[in-house]
Amino acid sequence: MDDHIYKHIHLTGSSTESMEQAVRAALAKAKDSVRNINWFKVIETRGHVVDGEVGHWQVTIEVGFRLD
């Protein structure tokens, strides 16, 4: 069995729609330059308030990817 080595990075995605969409935005951008993404973990969720309402969501995720 081959040993797998993983690297972790933190990314913050943003969305005016939802927390889930903020995660999807971060992963979509990461896949343009990072190969072998295997998992993510939500580290922090926060938002921006505009006129007393949610303006946008910000979600920081830890992403793990296998090194070649």
N, C-alpha and C. Protein backbone atom coordinates (compact mmCIF):
# COMPACT_ATOMS: atom_id res chain seq x y z
N MET A 1 0.84 -1.18 0.00
CA MET A 1 0.00 0.00 0.00
C MET A 1 0.89 1.24 0.00
N ASP A 2 0.56 2.20 -0.83
CA ASP A 2 1.31 3.46 -0.90
C ASP A 2 0.92 4.36 0.26
N ASP A 3 1.92 5.06 0.78
CA ASP A 3 1.64 6.08 1.79
C ASP A 3 1.15 7.33 1.09
N HIS A 4 0.19 8.00 1.68
CA HIS A 4 -0.30 9.26 1.15
C HIS A 4 0.12 10.38 2.08
N ILE A 5 0.58 11.46 1.51
CA ILE A 5 0.96 12.65 2.27
C ILE A 5 0.01 13.77 1.85
N TYR A 6 -0.53 14.46 2.83
CA TYR A 6 -1.50 15.52 2.57
C TYR A 6 -0.96 16.87 3.02
N LYS A 7 -1.36 17.90 2.31
CA LYS A 7 -1.08 19.27 2.69
C LYS A 7 -2.42 19.94 2.97
N HIS A 8 -2.41 20.90 3.91
CA HIS A 8 -3.63 21.62 4.28
C HIS A 8 -3.44 23.10 3.99
N ILE A 9 -4.50 23.72 3.48
CA ILE A 9 -4.50 25.16 3.30
C ILE A 9 -5.83 25.72 3.82
N HIS A 10 -5.84 26.99 4.17
CA HIS A 10 -7.07 27.66 4.59
C HIS A 10 -7.51 28.59 3.48
N LEU A 11 -8.81 28.56 3.18
CA LEU A 11 -9.42 29.43 2.17
C LEU A 11 -10.65 30.08 2.76
N THR A 12 -10.99 31.29 2.31
CA THR A 12 -12.22 31.93 2.74
C THR A 12 -13.05 32.25 1.50
N GLY A 13 -14.25 31.67 1.46
CA GLY A 13 -15.18 31.93 0.36
C GLY A 13 -16.24 32.92 0.82
N SER A 14 -16.85 33.59 -0.13
CA SER A 14 -17.85 34.60 0.17
C SER A 14 -19.05 34.42 -0.76
N SER A 15 -20.25 34.70 -0.23
CA SER A 15 -21.46 34.60 -1.03
C SER A 15 -22.55 35.47 -0.44
N THR A 16 -23.35 36.06 -1.30
CA THR A 16 -24.52 36.80 -0.83
C THR A 16 -25.71 35.86 -0.62
N GLU A 17 -25.60 34.62 -1.10
CA GLU A 17 -26.71 33.67 -1.04
C GLU A 17 -26.76 32.85 0.23
N SER A 18 -25.62 32.16 0.57
CA SER A 18 -25.66 31.24 1.70
C SER A 18 -24.24 30.83 2.12
N MET A 19 -24.17 30.19 3.29
CA MET A 19 -22.89 29.66 3.77
C MET A 19 -22.42 28.55 2.83
N GLU A 20 -23.34 27.69 2.42
CA GLU A 20 -22.98 26.59 1.52
C GLU A 20 -22.40 27.13 0.21
N GLN A 21 -22.98 28.17 -0.32
CA GLN A 21 -22.48 28.74 -1.57
C GLN A 21 -21.10 29.37 -1.36
N ALA A 22 -20.83 29.91 -0.18
CA ALA A 22 -19.51 30.46 0.12
C ALA A 22 -18.45 29.35 0.09
N VAL A 23 -18.79 28.19 0.64
CA VAL A 23 -17.88 27.04 0.60
C VAL A 23 -17.66 26.60 -0.84
N ARG A 24 -18.74 26.50 -1.59
CA ARG A 24 -18.64 26.08 -2.99
C ARG A 24 -17.78 27.06 -3.81
N ALA A 25 -17.90 28.35 -3.52
CA ALA A 25 -17.10 29.35 -4.24
C ALA A 25 -15.61 29.16 -3.95
N ALA A 26 -15.26 28.91 -2.69
CA ALA A 26 -13.86 28.69 -2.34
C ALA A 26 -13.30 27.44 -3.01
N LEU A 27 -14.07 26.35 -2.98
CA LEU A 27 -13.61 25.11 -3.61
C LEU A 27 -13.51 25.24 -5.13
N ALA A 28 -14.45 25.94 -5.74
CA ALA A 28 -14.43 26.12 -7.19
C ALA A 28 -13.18 26.88 -7.63
N LYS A 29 -12.81 27.90 -6.86
CA LYS A 29 -11.61 28.68 -7.20
C LYS A 29 -10.35 27.85 -6.96
N ALA A 30 -10.33 27.09 -5.87
CA ALA A 30 -9.15 26.28 -5.53
C ALA A 30 -8.86 25.22 -6.58
N LYS A 31 -9.91 24.63 -7.15
CA LYS A 31 -9.68 23.54 -8.09
C LYS A 31 -8.99 24.01 -9.37
N ASP A 32 -8.97 25.33 -9.61
CA ASP A 32 -8.25 25.86 -10.78
C ASP A 32 -6.74 25.71 -10.64
N SER A 33 -6.24 25.66 -9.40
CA SER A 33 -4.78 25.60 -9.22
C SER A 33 -4.30 24.51 -8.27
N VAL A 34 -5.21 23.82 -7.58
CA VAL A 34 -4.82 22.78 -6.63
C VAL A 34 -5.37 21.44 -7.10
N ARG A 35 -4.48 20.46 -7.21
CA ARG A 35 -4.90 19.11 -7.62
C ARG A 35 -5.14 18.22 -6.40
N ASN A 36 -5.88 17.18 -6.60
CA ASN A 36 -6.07 16.12 -5.60
C ASN A 36 -6.75 16.59 -4.32
N ILE A 37 -7.69 17.55 -4.42
CA ILE A 37 -8.43 17.97 -3.23
C ILE A 37 -9.30 16.80 -2.78
N ASN A 38 -9.17 16.44 -1.50
CA ASN A 38 -9.89 15.29 -0.97
C ASN A 38 -10.97 15.63 0.04
N TRP A 39 -10.80 16.70 0.80
CA TRP A 39 -11.75 16.99 1.86
C TRP A 39 -11.67 18.46 2.26
N PHE A 40 -12.68 18.91 3.00
CA PHE A 40 -12.64 20.23 3.62
C PHE A 40 -13.30 20.17 4.99
N LYS A 41 -12.95 21.14 5.82
CA LYS A 41 -13.54 21.27 7.15
C LYS A 41 -13.83 22.75 7.38
N VAL A 42 -15.03 23.08 7.83
CA VAL A 42 -15.38 24.47 8.11
C VAL A 42 -14.68 24.89 9.40
N ILE A 43 -13.91 25.97 9.31
CA ILE A 43 -13.15 26.49 10.44
C ILE A 43 -13.89 27.65 11.11
N GLU A 44 -14.44 28.54 10.29
CA GLU A 44 -15.08 29.74 10.82
C GLU A 44 -16.19 30.21 9.88
N THR A 45 -17.26 30.71 10.46
CA THR A 45 -18.34 31.29 9.68
C THR A 45 -18.60 32.68 10.22
N ARG A 46 -18.68 33.63 9.34
CA ARG A 46 -18.99 35.00 9.74
C ARG A 46 -19.73 35.68 8.60
N GLY A 47 -20.17 36.88 8.83
CA GLY A 47 -20.90 37.57 7.78
C GLY A 47 -20.74 39.07 7.87
N HIS A 48 -21.21 39.73 6.86
CA HIS A 48 -21.18 41.18 6.77
C HIS A 48 -22.62 41.67 6.83
N VAL A 49 -22.87 42.66 7.67
CA VAL A 49 -24.22 43.18 7.86
C VAL A 49 -24.38 44.50 7.11
N VAL A 50 -25.45 44.59 6.35
CA VAL A 50 -25.79 45.81 5.60
C VAL A 50 -27.22 46.19 5.95
N ASP A 51 -27.40 47.38 6.50
CA ASP A 51 -28.73 47.87 6.88
C ASP A 51 -29.50 46.88 7.75
N GLY A 52 -28.79 46.24 8.69
CA GLY A 52 -29.44 45.32 9.62
C GLY A 52 -29.73 43.94 9.08
N GLU A 53 -29.29 43.65 7.85
CA GLU A 53 -29.52 42.33 7.26
C GLU A 53 -28.19 41.74 6.78
N VAL A 54 -28.20 40.44 6.52
CA VAL A 54 -27.00 39.77 6.03
C VAL A 54 -26.67 40.29 4.63
N GLY A 55 -25.50 40.91 4.50
CA GLY A 55 -25.05 41.38 3.19
C GLY A 55 -24.36 40.27 2.42
N HIS A 56 -23.48 39.54 3.13
CA HIS A 56 -22.87 38.35 2.54
C HIS A 56 -22.28 37.48 3.64
N TRP A 57 -22.13 36.22 3.31
CA TRP A 57 -21.55 35.22 4.20
C TRP A 57 -20.09 35.06 3.85
N GLN A 58 -19.26 34.81 4.87
CA GLN A 58 -17.86 34.47 4.68
C GLN A 58 -17.60 33.18 5.45
N VAL A 59 -17.06 32.18 4.78
CA VAL A 59 -16.78 30.90 5.42
C VAL A 59 -15.33 30.53 5.16
N THR A 60 -14.58 30.32 6.25
CA THR A 60 -13.20 29.87 6.13
C THR A 60 -13.17 28.35 6.27
N ILE A 61 -12.52 27.71 5.32
CA ILE A 61 -12.42 26.25 5.34
C ILE A 61 -10.96 25.83 5.32
N GLU A 62 -10.70 24.68 5.91
CA GLU A 62 -9.40 24.03 5.78
C GLU A 62 -9.58 22.97 4.71
N VAL A 63 -8.71 22.97 3.72
CA VAL A 63 -8.80 22.06 2.60
C VAL A 63 -7.58 21.14 2.61
N GLY A 64 -7.83 19.84 2.47
CA GLY A 64 -6.74 18.87 2.42
C GLY A 64 -6.61 18.30 1.02
N PHE A 65 -5.36 18.24 0.55
CA PHE A 65 -5.13 17.64 -0.75
C PHE A 65 -3.89 16.77 -0.69
N ARG A 66 -3.93 15.68 -1.48
CA ARG A 66 -2.85 14.69 -1.49
C ARG A 66 -1.73 15.18 -2.39
N LEU A 67 -0.51 15.11 -1.88
CA LEU A 67 0.65 15.48 -2.66
C LEU A 67 1.03 14.34 -3.62
N ASP A 68 1.46 14.71 -4.82
CA ASP A 68 1.88 13.71 -5.80
C ASP A 68 3.16 13.02 -5.35
